[in-house]
Amino acid sequence: SGPLFTHQLSHMWIDFRGIRDEFMRHHDSDYFQ
């Protein structure tokens, strides 16, 4: 996603470290990384 804010605003409230949905499990990553 191009604009940097799109990678940040959900993270103001949610700690995505180490939690994964199906998409991130498939790519062996998480939204924080």
Full PDB file with SEQRES, HELIX, SHEET, SSBOND, CRYST1, ORIGX, SCALE, CONECT and MASTER records, all heavy atoms in Angstrom:
SEQRES   1 A   33  SER GLY PRO LEU PHE THR HIS GLN LEU SER HIS MET TRP          
SEQRES   2 A   33  ILE ASP PHE ARG GLY ILE ARG ASP GLU PHE MET ARG HIS          
SEQRES   3 A   33  HIS ASP SER ASP TYR PHE GLN                                  
HELIX    1 AA1 LEU A    4  HIS A    7  5                                   4    
HELIX    2 AA2 LEU A    9  MET A   12  5                                   4    
HELIX    3 AA3 GLU A   22  HIS A   26  1                                   5    
CRYST1    1.000    1.000    1.000  90.00  90.00  90.00 P 1           1          
ORIGX1      1.000000  0.000000  0.000000        0.00000                         
ORIGX2      0.000000  1.000000  0.000000        0.00000                         
ORIGX3      0.000000  0.000000  1.000000        0.00000                         
SCALE1      1.000000  0.000000  0.000000        0.00000                         
SCALE2      0.000000  1.000000  0.000000        0.00000                         
SCALE3      0.000000  0.000000  1.000000        0.00000                         
ATOM      1  N   SER A   1       0.885  -1.164   0.000  1.00  0.00           N  
ATOM      2  CA  SER A   1       0.000   0.000   0.000  1.00  0.00           C  
ATOM      3  C   SER A   1       0.920   1.210   0.000  1.00  0.00           C  
ATOM      4  O   SER A   1       1.867   1.268   0.792  1.00  0.00           O  
ATOM      5  CB  SER A   1      -0.926   0.008   1.219  1.00  0.00           C  
ATOM      6  OG  SER A   1      -1.779   1.138   1.182  1.00  0.00           O  
ATOM      7  N   GLY A   2       0.680   2.170  -0.887  1.00  0.00           N  
ATOM      8  CA  GLY A   2       1.641   3.245  -1.109  1.00  0.00           C  
ATOM      9  C   GLY A   2       1.795   4.259   0.009  1.00  0.00           C  
ATOM     10  O   GLY A   2       2.897   4.498   0.505  1.00  0.00           O  
ATOM     11  N   PRO A   3       0.703   4.909   0.457  1.00  0.00           N  
ATOM     12  CA  PRO A   3       0.842   5.920   1.515  1.00  0.00           C  
ATOM     13  C   PRO A   3       1.202   5.273   2.845  1.00  0.00           C  
ATOM     14  O   PRO A   3       0.600   4.266   3.242  1.00  0.00           O  
ATOM     15  CB  PRO A   3      -0.548   6.566   1.570  1.00  0.00           C  
ATOM     16  CG  PRO A   3      -1.205   6.211   0.267  1.00  0.00           C  
ATOM     17  CD  PRO A   3      -0.651   4.874  -0.100  1.00  0.00           C  
ATOM     18  N   LEU A   4       2.152   5.851   3.566  1.00  0.00           N  
ATOM     19  CA  LEU A   4       2.638   5.216   4.783  1.00  0.00           C  
ATOM     20  C   LEU A   4       1.568   5.163   5.880  1.00  0.00           C  
ATOM     21  O   LEU A   4       1.559   4.239   6.690  1.00  0.00           O  
ATOM     22  CB  LEU A   4       3.888   5.938   5.291  1.00  0.00           C  
ATOM     23  CG  LEU A   4       4.685   5.253   6.398  1.00  0.00           C  
ATOM     24  CD1 LEU A   4       5.011   3.804   6.066  1.00  0.00           C  
ATOM     25  CD2 LEU A   4       5.965   6.032   6.697  1.00  0.00           C  
ATOM     26  N   PHE A   5       0.648   6.125   5.911  1.00  0.00           N  
ATOM     27  CA  PHE A   5      -0.363   6.111   6.969  1.00  0.00           C  
ATOM     28  C   PHE A   5      -1.219   4.858   6.928  1.00  0.00           C  
ATOM     29  O   PHE A   5      -1.731   4.416   7.972  1.00  0.00           O  
ATOM     30  CB  PHE A   5      -1.245   7.365   6.891  1.00  0.00           C  
ATOM     31  CG  PHE A   5      -2.404   7.278   5.927  1.00  0.00           C  
ATOM     32  CD1 PHE A   5      -3.663   6.883   6.352  1.00  0.00           C  
ATOM     33  CD2 PHE A   5      -2.238   7.590   4.580  1.00  0.00           C  
ATOM     34  CE1 PHE A   5      -4.729   6.803   5.467  1.00  0.00           C  
ATOM     35  CE2 PHE A   5      -3.304   7.517   3.690  1.00  0.00           C  
ATOM     36  CZ  PHE A   5      -4.549   7.115   4.136  1.00  0.00           C  
ATOM     37  N   THR A   6      -1.398   4.262   5.752  1.00  0.00           N  
ATOM     38  CA  THR A   6      -2.232   3.069   5.649  1.00  0.00           C  
ATOM     39  C   THR A   6      -1.618   1.891   6.394  1.00  0.00           C  
ATOM     40  O   THR A   6      -2.321   0.941   6.748  1.00  0.00           O  
ATOM     41  CB  THR A   6      -2.476   2.679   4.178  1.00  0.00           C  
ATOM     42  OG1 THR A   6      -1.220   2.417   3.542  1.00  0.00           O  
ATOM     43  CG2 THR A   6      -3.196   3.785   3.428  1.00  0.00           C  
ATOM     44  N   HIS A   7      -0.309   1.949   6.622  1.00  0.00           N  
ATOM     45  CA  HIS A   7       0.393   0.906   7.365  1.00  0.00           C  
ATOM     46  C   HIS A   7       0.450   1.193   8.859  1.00  0.00           C  
ATOM     47  O   HIS A   7       1.096   0.441   9.599  1.00  0.00           O  
ATOM     48  CB  HIS A   7       1.819   0.754   6.828  1.00  0.00           C  
ATOM     49  CG  HIS A   7       1.901   0.292   5.411  1.00  0.00           C  
ATOM     50  ND1 HIS A   7       1.840  -1.038   5.062  1.00  0.00           N  
ATOM     51  CD2 HIS A   7       2.028   0.991   4.245  1.00  0.00           C  
ATOM     52  CE1 HIS A   7       1.943  -1.147   3.740  1.00  0.00           C  
ATOM     53  NE2 HIS A   7       2.053   0.062   3.220  1.00  0.00           N  
ATOM     54  N   GLN A   8      -0.189   2.287   9.294  1.00  0.00           N  
ATOM     55  CA  GLN A   8      -0.028   2.727  10.682  1.00  0.00           C  
ATOM     56  C   GLN A   8      -1.332   2.841  11.468  1.00  0.00           C  
ATOM     57  O   GLN A   8      -1.374   2.512  12.651  1.00  0.00           O  
ATOM     58  CB  GLN A   8       0.658   4.110  10.701  1.00  0.00           C  
ATOM     59  CG  GLN A   8       2.043   4.103  10.103  1.00  0.00           C  
ATOM     60  CD  GLN A   8       2.583   5.510   9.914  1.00  0.00           C  
ATOM     61  OE1 GLN A   8       1.829   6.479   9.856  1.00  0.00           O  
ATOM     62  NE2 GLN A   8       3.897   5.633   9.810  1.00  0.00           N  
ATOM     63  N   LEU A   9      -2.408   3.351  10.837  1.00  0.00           N  
ATOM     64  CA  LEU A   9      -3.556   3.784  11.619  1.00  0.00           C  
ATOM     65  C   LEU A   9      -4.249   2.651  12.360  1.00  0.00           C  
ATOM     66  O   LEU A   9      -4.677   2.824  13.505  1.00  0.00           O  
ATOM     67  CB  LEU A   9      -4.549   4.553  10.737  1.00  0.00           C  
ATOM     68  CG  LEU A   9      -4.013   5.850  10.116  1.00  0.00           C  
ATOM     69  CD1 LEU A   9      -5.147   6.667   9.524  1.00  0.00           C  
ATOM     70  CD2 LEU A   9      -3.228   6.692  11.121  1.00  0.00           C  
ATOM     71  N   SER A  10      -4.372   1.478  11.750  1.00  0.00           N  
ATOM     72  CA  SER A  10      -4.946   0.344  12.486  1.00  0.00           C  
ATOM     73  C   SER A  10      -4.055  -0.051  13.654  1.00  0.00           C  
ATOM     74  O   SER A  10      -4.545  -0.505  14.704  1.00  0.00           O  
ATOM     75  CB  SER A  10      -5.136  -0.853  11.553  1.00  0.00           C  
ATOM     76  OG  SER A  10      -5.995  -0.538  10.474  1.00  0.00           O  
ATOM     77  N   HIS A  11      -2.752   0.153  13.496  1.00  0.00           N  
ATOM     78  CA  HIS A  11      -1.775  -0.254  14.505  1.00  0.00           C  
ATOM     79  C   HIS A  11      -1.757   0.684  15.705  1.00  0.00           C  
ATOM     80  O   HIS A  11      -1.128   0.358  16.716  1.00  0.00           O  
ATOM     81  CB  HIS A  11      -0.376  -0.295  13.882  1.00  0.00           C  
ATOM     82  CG  HIS A  11      -0.223  -1.301  12.792  1.00  0.00           C  
ATOM     83  ND1 HIS A  11       0.475  -2.483  12.945  1.00  0.00           N  
ATOM     84  CD2 HIS A  11      -0.672  -1.303  11.512  1.00  0.00           C  
ATOM     85  CE1 HIS A  11       0.454  -3.172  11.815  1.00  0.00           C  
ATOM     86  NE2 HIS A  11      -0.244  -2.469  10.926  1.00  0.00           N  
ATOM     87  N   MET A  12      -2.406   1.826  15.615  1.00  0.00           N  
ATOM     88  CA  MET A  12      -2.478   2.699  16.785  1.00  0.00           C  
ATOM     89  C   MET A  12      -3.202   1.982  17.919  1.00  0.00           C  
ATOM     90  O   MET A  12      -2.907   2.197  19.084  1.00  0.00           O  
ATOM     91  CB  MET A  12      -3.188   4.005  16.441  1.00  0.00           C  
ATOM     92  CG  MET A  12      -2.440   4.853  15.431  1.00  0.00           C  
ATOM     93  SD  MET A  12      -3.054   6.544  15.301  1.00  0.00           S  
ATOM     94  CE  MET A  12      -4.742   6.300  14.768  1.00  0.00           C  
ATOM     95  N   TRP A  13      -4.161   1.128  17.572  1.00  0.00           N  
ATOM     96  CA  TRP A  13      -4.972   0.456  18.578  1.00  0.00           C  
ATOM     97  C   TRP A  13      -4.653  -1.025  18.728  1.00  0.00           C  
ATOM     98  O   TRP A  13      -4.854  -1.588  19.806  1.00  0.00           O  
ATOM     99  CB  TRP A  13      -6.456   0.606  18.221  1.00  0.00           C  
ATOM    100  CG  TRP A  13      -6.983   1.973  18.472  1.00  0.00           C  
ATOM    101  CD1 TRP A  13      -7.368   2.491  19.678  1.00  0.00           C  
ATOM    102  CD2 TRP A  13      -7.203   3.012  17.504  1.00  0.00           C  
ATOM    103  NE1 TRP A  13      -7.809   3.790  19.506  1.00  0.00           N  
ATOM    104  CE2 TRP A  13      -7.719   4.133  18.191  1.00  0.00           C  
ATOM    105  CE3 TRP A  13      -7.018   3.110  16.131  1.00  0.00           C  
ATOM    106  CZ2 TRP A  13      -8.051   5.331  17.563  1.00  0.00           C  
ATOM    107  CZ3 TRP A  13      -7.343   4.303  15.493  1.00  0.00           C  
ATOM    108  CH2 TRP A  13      -7.854   5.401  16.195  1.00  0.00           C  
ATOM    109  N   ILE A  14      -4.201  -1.668  17.671  1.00  0.00           N  
ATOM    110  CA  ILE A  14      -4.056  -3.128  17.705  1.00  0.00           C  
ATOM    111  C   ILE A  14      -2.590  -3.524  17.594  1.00  0.00           C  
ATOM    112  O   ILE A  14      -1.881  -3.080  16.685  1.00  0.00           O  
ATOM    113  CB  ILE A  14      -4.866  -3.777  16.566  1.00  0.00           C  
ATOM    114  CG1 ILE A  14      -6.345  -3.384  16.670  1.00  0.00           C  
ATOM    115  CG2 ILE A  14      -4.714  -5.296  16.605  1.00  0.00           C  
ATOM    116  CD1 ILE A  14      -7.187  -3.845  15.494  1.00  0.00           C  
ATOM    117  N   ASP A  15      -2.161  -4.358  18.519  1.00  0.00           N  
ATOM    118  CA  ASP A  15      -0.808  -4.907  18.508  1.00  0.00           C  
ATOM    119  C   ASP A  15      -0.809  -6.144  17.619  1.00  0.00           C  
ATOM    120  O   ASP A  15      -1.251  -7.220  18.017  1.00  0.00           O  
ATOM    121  CB  ASP A  15      -0.393  -5.259  19.940  1.00  0.00           C  
ATOM    122  CG  ASP A  15       1.023  -5.802  20.025  1.00  0.00           C  
ATOM    123  OD1 ASP A  15       1.705  -5.865  18.981  1.00  0.00           O  
ATOM    124  OD2 ASP A  15       1.442  -6.173  21.138  1.00  0.00           O  
ATOM    125  N   PHE A  16      -0.302  -5.966  16.399  1.00  0.00           N  
ATOM    126  CA  PHE A  16      -0.319  -7.063  15.427  1.00  0.00           C  
ATOM    127  C   PHE A  16       0.928  -7.948  15.503  1.00  0.00           C  
ATOM    128  O   PHE A  16       1.093  -8.844  14.674  1.00  0.00           O  
ATOM    129  CB  PHE A  16      -0.452  -6.497  14.008  1.00  0.00           C  
ATOM    130  CG  PHE A  16      -1.838  -6.019  13.662  1.00  0.00           C  
ATOM    131  CD1 PHE A  16      -2.147  -4.669  13.673  1.00  0.00           C  
ATOM    132  CD2 PHE A  16      -2.835  -6.918  13.331  1.00  0.00           C  
ATOM    133  CE1 PHE A  16      -3.415  -4.211  13.340  1.00  0.00           C  
ATOM    134  CE2 PHE A  16      -4.110  -6.490  13.012  1.00  0.00           C  
ATOM    135  CZ  PHE A  16      -4.402  -5.126  13.017  1.00  0.00           C  
ATOM    136  N   ARG A  17       1.798  -7.699  16.476  1.00  0.00           N  
ATOM    137  CA  ARG A  17       3.001  -8.520  16.591  1.00  0.00           C  
ATOM    138  C   ARG A  17       2.631  -9.964  16.930  1.00  0.00           C  
ATOM    139  O   ARG A  17       2.012 -10.232  17.944  1.00  0.00           O  
ATOM    140  CB  ARG A  17       3.928  -7.954  17.668  1.00  0.00           C  
ATOM    141  CG  ARG A  17       4.538  -6.608  17.324  1.00  0.00           C  
ATOM    142  CD  ARG A  17       5.343  -6.040  18.474  1.00  0.00           C  
ATOM    143  NE  ARG A  17       4.488  -5.791  19.639  1.00  0.00           N  
ATOM    144  CZ  ARG A  17       4.929  -5.291  20.789  1.00  0.00           C  
ATOM    145  NH1 ARG A  17       6.223  -5.005  20.933  1.00  0.00           N  
ATOM    146  NH2 ARG A  17       4.095  -5.081  21.795  1.00  0.00           N  
ATOM    147  N   GLY A  18       2.986 -10.864  16.039  1.00  0.00           N  
ATOM    148  CA  GLY A  18       2.825 -12.286  16.325  1.00  0.00           C  
ATOM    149  C   GLY A  18       1.445 -12.853  16.112  1.00  0.00           C  
ATOM    150  O   GLY A  18       1.235 -14.054  16.306  1.00  0.00           O  
ATOM    151  N   ILE A  19       0.469 -12.015  15.734  1.00  0.00           N  
ATOM    152  CA  ILE A  19      -0.868 -12.555  15.423  1.00  0.00           C  
ATOM    153  C   ILE A  19      -1.050 -12.505  13.903  1.00  0.00           C  
ATOM    154  O   ILE A  19      -0.618 -11.563  13.250  1.00  0.00           O  
ATOM    155  CB  ILE A  19      -1.997 -11.815  16.164  1.00  0.00           C  
ATOM    156  CG1 ILE A  19      -2.108 -10.352  15.719  1.00  0.00           C  
ATOM    157  CG2 ILE A  19      -1.770 -11.891  17.678  1.00  0.00           C  
ATOM    158  CD1 ILE A  19      -3.326  -9.633  16.270  1.00  0.00           C  
ATOM    159  N   ARG A  20      -1.698 -13.525  13.371  1.00  0.00           N  
ATOM    160  CA  ARG A  20      -1.775 -13.652  11.908  1.00  0.00           C  
ATOM    161  C   ARG A  20      -3.164 -14.083  11.473  1.00  0.00           C  
ATOM    162  O   ARG A  20      -3.785 -14.937  12.111  1.00  0.00           O  
ATOM    163  CB  ARG A  20      -0.770 -14.696  11.409  1.00  0.00           C  
ATOM    164  CG  ARG A  20       0.687 -14.398  11.715  1.00  0.00           C  
ATOM    165  CD  ARG A  20       1.564 -15.544  11.255  1.00  0.00           C  
ATOM    166  NE  ARG A  20       2.985 -15.241  11.394  1.00  0.00           N  
ATOM    167  CZ  ARG A  20       3.960 -16.032  10.984  1.00  0.00           C  
ATOM    168  NH1 ARG A  20       3.656 -17.213  10.406  1.00  0.00           N  
ATOM    169  NH2 ARG A  20       5.216 -15.691  11.122  1.00  0.00           N  
ATOM    170  N   ASP A  21      -3.623 -13.511  10.362  1.00  0.00           N  
ATOM    171  CA  ASP A  21      -4.814 -14.027   9.698  1.00  0.00           C  
ATOM    172  C   ASP A  21      -4.357 -15.031   8.639  1.00  0.00           C  
ATOM    173  O   ASP A  21      -3.166 -15.334   8.517  1.00  0.00           O  
ATOM    174  CB  ASP A  21      -5.644 -12.884   9.108  1.00  0.00           C  
ATOM    175  CG  ASP A  21      -4.888 -12.063   8.076  1.00  0.00           C  
ATOM    176  OD1 ASP A  21      -3.743 -12.431   7.705  1.00  0.00           O  
ATOM    177  OD2 ASP A  21      -5.436 -11.030   7.627  1.00  0.00           O  
ATOM    178  N   GLU A  22      -5.305 -15.548   7.880  1.00  0.00           N  
ATOM    179  CA  GLU A  22      -4.959 -16.581   6.897  1.00  0.00           C  
ATOM    180  C   GLU A  22      -3.946 -16.071   5.874  1.00  0.00           C  
ATOM    181  O   GLU A  22      -3.012 -16.783   5.494  1.00  0.00           O  
ATOM    182  CB  GLU A  22      -6.229 -17.058   6.188  1.00  0.00           C  
ATOM    183  CG  GLU A  22      -5.981 -18.164   5.172  1.00  0.00           C  
ATOM    184  CD  GLU A  22      -7.254 -18.630   4.489  1.00  0.00           C  
ATOM    185  OE1 GLU A  22      -8.345 -18.200   4.902  1.00  0.00           O  
ATOM    186  OE2 GLU A  22      -7.145 -19.414   3.528  1.00  0.00           O  
ATOM    187  N   PHE A  23      -4.121 -14.822   5.425  1.00  0.00           N  
ATOM    188  CA  PHE A  23      -3.211 -14.270   4.427  1.00  0.00           C  
ATOM    189  C   PHE A  23      -1.790 -14.207   4.969  1.00  0.00           C  
ATOM    190  O   PHE A  23      -0.832 -14.611   4.289  1.00  0.00           O  
ATOM    191  CB  PHE A  23      -3.673 -12.876   4.001  1.00  0.00           C  
ATOM    192  CG  PHE A  23      -2.828 -12.260   2.928  1.00  0.00           C  
ATOM    193  CD1 PHE A  23      -3.121 -12.453   1.586  1.00  0.00           C  
ATOM    194  CD2 PHE A  23      -1.708 -11.489   3.254  1.00  0.00           C  
ATOM    195  CE1 PHE A  23      -2.318 -11.885   0.593  1.00  0.00           C  
ATOM    196  CE2 PHE A  23      -0.911 -10.925   2.280  1.00  0.00           C  
ATOM    197  CZ  PHE A  23      -1.216 -11.118   0.940  1.00  0.00           C  
ATOM    198  N   MET A  24      -1.630 -13.692   6.182  1.00  0.00           N  
ATOM    199  CA  MET A  24      -0.289 -13.546   6.745  1.00  0.00           C  
ATOM    200  C   MET A  24       0.325 -14.891   7.120  1.00  0.00           C  
ATOM    201  O   MET A  24       1.542 -15.066   7.028  1.00  0.00           O  
ATOM    202  CB  MET A  24      -0.322 -12.595   7.937  1.00  0.00           C  
ATOM    203  CG  MET A  24      -0.423 -11.135   7.533  1.00  0.00           C  
ATOM    204  SD  MET A  24       1.003 -10.621   6.509  1.00  0.00           S  
ATOM    205  CE  MET A  24       0.611  -8.893   6.232  1.00  0.00           C  
ATOM    206  N   ARG A  25      -0.496 -15.846   7.528  1.00  0.00           N  
ATOM    207  CA  ARG A  25       0.040 -17.196   7.772  1.00  0.00           C  
ATOM    208  C   ARG A  25       0.604 -17.769   6.486  1.00  0.00           C  
ATOM    209  O   ARG A  25       1.675 -18.407   6.491  1.00  0.00           O  
ATOM    210  CB  ARG A  25      -1.049 -18.108   8.342  1.00  0.00           C  
ATOM    211  CG  ARG A  25      -1.367 -17.880   9.804  1.00  0.00           C  
ATOM    212  CD  ARG A  25      -2.233 -18.991  10.386  1.00  0.00           C  
ATOM    213  NE  ARG A  25      -3.574 -18.987   9.820  1.00  0.00           N  
ATOM    214  CZ  ARG A  25      -4.591 -18.274  10.298  1.00  0.00           C  
ATOM    215  NH1 ARG A  25      -4.423 -17.502  11.344  1.00  0.00           N  
ATOM    216  NH2 ARG A  25      -5.791 -18.341   9.734  1.00  0.00           N  
ATOM    217  N   HIS A  26      -0.098 -17.551   5.381  1.00  0.00           N  
ATOM    218  CA  HIS A  26       0.361 -18.063   4.090  1.00  0.00           C  
ATOM    219  C   HIS A  26       1.698 -17.459   3.696  1.00  0.00           C  
ATOM    220  O   HIS A  26       2.538 -18.131   3.067  1.00  0.00           O  
ATOM    221  CB  HIS A  26      -0.688 -17.767   3.020  1.00  0.00           C  
ATOM    222  CG  HIS A  26      -0.298 -18.191   1.641  1.00  0.00           C  
ATOM    223  ND1 HIS A  26      -0.271 -19.514   1.240  1.00  0.00           N  
ATOM    224  CD2 HIS A  26       0.093 -17.454   0.551  1.00  0.00           C  
ATOM    225  CE1 HIS A  26       0.124 -19.584  -0.018  1.00  0.00           C  
ATOM    226  NE2 HIS A  26       0.344 -18.353  -0.463  1.00  0.00           N  
ATOM    227  N   HIS A  27       1.928 -16.187   4.063  1.00  0.00           N  
ATOM    228  CA  HIS A  27       3.171 -15.503   3.691  1.00  0.00           C  
ATOM    229  C   HIS A  27       4.195 -15.468   4.822  1.00  0.00           C  
ATOM    230  O   HIS A  27       5.224 -14.783   4.697  1.00  0.00           O  
ATOM    231  CB  HIS A  27       2.849 -14.078   3.222  1.00  0.00           C  
ATOM    232  CG  HIS A  27       2.139 -14.032   1.904  1.00  0.00           C  
ATOM    233  ND1 HIS A  27       2.794 -14.169   0.697  1.00  0.00           N  
ATOM    234  CD2 HIS A  27       0.824 -13.891   1.603  1.00  0.00           C  
ATOM    235  CE1 HIS A  27       1.910 -14.097  -0.294  1.00  0.00           C  
ATOM    236  NE2 HIS A  27       0.717 -13.931   0.226  1.00  0.00           N  
ATOM    237  N   ASP A  28       3.927 -16.220   5.886  1.00  0.00           N  
ATOM    238  CA  ASP A  28       4.852 -16.318   7.019  1.00  0.00           C  
ATOM    239  C   ASP A  28       5.290 -14.928   7.511  1.00  0.00           C  
ATOM    240  O   ASP A  28       6.476 -14.655   7.701  1.00  0.00           O  
ATOM    241  CB  ASP A  28       6.089 -17.150   6.641  1.00  0.00           C  
ATOM    242  CG  ASP A  28       6.907 -17.540   7.873  1.00  0.00           C  
ATOM    243  OD1 ASP A  28       6.324 -17.597   8.973  1.00  0.00           O  
ATOM    244  OD2 ASP A  28       8.121 -17.757   7.724  1.00  0.00           O  
ATOM    245  N   SER A  29       4.305 -14.058   7.704  1.00  0.00           N  
ATOM    246  CA  SER A  29       4.583 -12.697   8.170  1.00  0.00           C  
ATOM    247  C   SER A  29       3.449 -12.271   9.101  1.00  0.00           C  
ATOM    248  O   SER A  29       2.591 -13.078   9.470  1.00  0.00           O  
ATOM    249  CB  SER A  29       4.692 -11.749   6.975  1.00  0.00           C  
ATOM    250  OG  SER A  29       5.066 -10.437   7.384  1.00  0.00           O  
ATOM    251  N   ASP A  30       3.475 -11.019   9.540  1.00  0.00           N  
ATOM    252  CA  ASP A  30       2.341 -10.429  10.248  1.00  0.00           C  
ATOM    253  C   ASP A  30       2.271  -8.956   9.862  1.00  0.00           C  
ATOM    254  O   ASP A  30       3.172  -8.425   9.204  1.00  0.00           O  
ATOM    255  CB  ASP A  30       2.429 -10.632  11.765  1.00  0.00           C  
ATOM    256  CG  ASP A  30       3.666 -10.008  12.399  1.00  0.00           C  
ATOM    257  OD1 ASP A  30       3.988  -8.843  12.082  1.00  0.00           O  
ATOM    258  OD2 ASP A  30       4.300 -10.669  13.240  1.00  0.00           O  
ATOM    259  N   TYR A  31       1.191  -8.282  10.259  1.00  0.00           N  
ATOM    260  CA  TYR A  31       0.987  -6.909   9.808  1.00  0.00           C  
ATOM    261  C   TYR A  31       1.996  -5.942  10.432  1.00  0.00           C  
ATOM    262  O   TYR A  31       2.330  -4.912   9.828  1.00  0.00           O  
ATOM    263  CB  TYR A  31      -0.444  -6.459  10.106  1.00  0.00           C  
ATOM    264  CG  TYR A  31      -1.463  -7.125   9.213  1.00  0.00           C  
ATOM    265  CD1 TYR A  31      -2.193  -8.229   9.655  1.00  0.00           C  
ATOM    266  CD2 TYR A  31      -1.688  -6.673   7.921  1.00  0.00           C  
ATOM    267  CE1 TYR A  31      -3.122  -8.850   8.839  1.00  0.00           C  
ATOM    268  CE2 TYR A  31      -2.615  -7.296   7.088  1.00  0.00           C  
ATOM    269  CZ  TYR A  31      -3.325  -8.379   7.555  1.00  0.00           C  
ATOM    270  OH  TYR A  31      -4.238  -8.998   6.734  1.00  0.00           O  
ATOM    271  N   PHE A  32       2.507  -6.258  11.604  1.00  0.00           N  
ATOM    272  CA  PHE A  32       3.549  -5.416  12.208  1.00  0.00           C  
ATOM    273  C   PHE A  32       4.835  -5.487  11.388  1.00  0.00           C  
ATOM    274  O   PHE A  32       5.426  -4.455  11.037  1.00  0.00           O  
ATOM    275  CB  PHE A  32       3.810  -5.859  13.649  1.00  0.00           C  
ATOM    276  CG  PHE A  32       4.825  -5.012  14.369  1.00  0.00           C  
ATOM    277  CD1 PHE A  32       4.423  -3.933  15.142  1.00  0.00           C  
ATOM    278  CD2 PHE A  32       6.191  -5.290  14.285  1.00  0.00           C  
ATOM    279  CE1 PHE A  32       5.352  -3.145  15.810  1.00  0.00           C  
ATOM    280  CE2 PHE A  32       7.123  -4.516  14.946  1.00  0.00           C  
ATOM    281  CZ  PHE A  32       6.707  -3.438  15.712  1.00  0.00           C  
ATOM    282  N   GLN A  33       5.258  -6.707  11.071  1.00  0.00           N  
ATOM    283  CA  GLN A  33       6.456  -6.872  10.251  1.00  0.00           C  
ATOM    284  C   GLN A  33       6.255  -6.227   8.885  1.00  0.00           C  
ATOM    285  O   GLN A  33       7.178  -5.626   8.312  1.00  0.00           O  
ATOM    286  CB  GLN A  33       6.775  -8.361  10.089  1.00  0.00           C  
ATOM    287  CG  GLN A  33       8.047  -8.658   9.301  1.00  0.00           C  
ATOM    288  CD  GLN A  33       9.314  -8.214  10.025  1.00  0.00           C  
ATOM    289  OE1 GLN A  33       9.307  -8.082  11.243  1.00  0.00           O  
ATOM    290  NE2 GLN A  33      10.387  -7.980   9.282  1.00  0.00           N  
TER     291      GLN A  33                                                      
MASTER        0    0    0    3    0    0    0    6  290    1    0    3          
END                                                                             
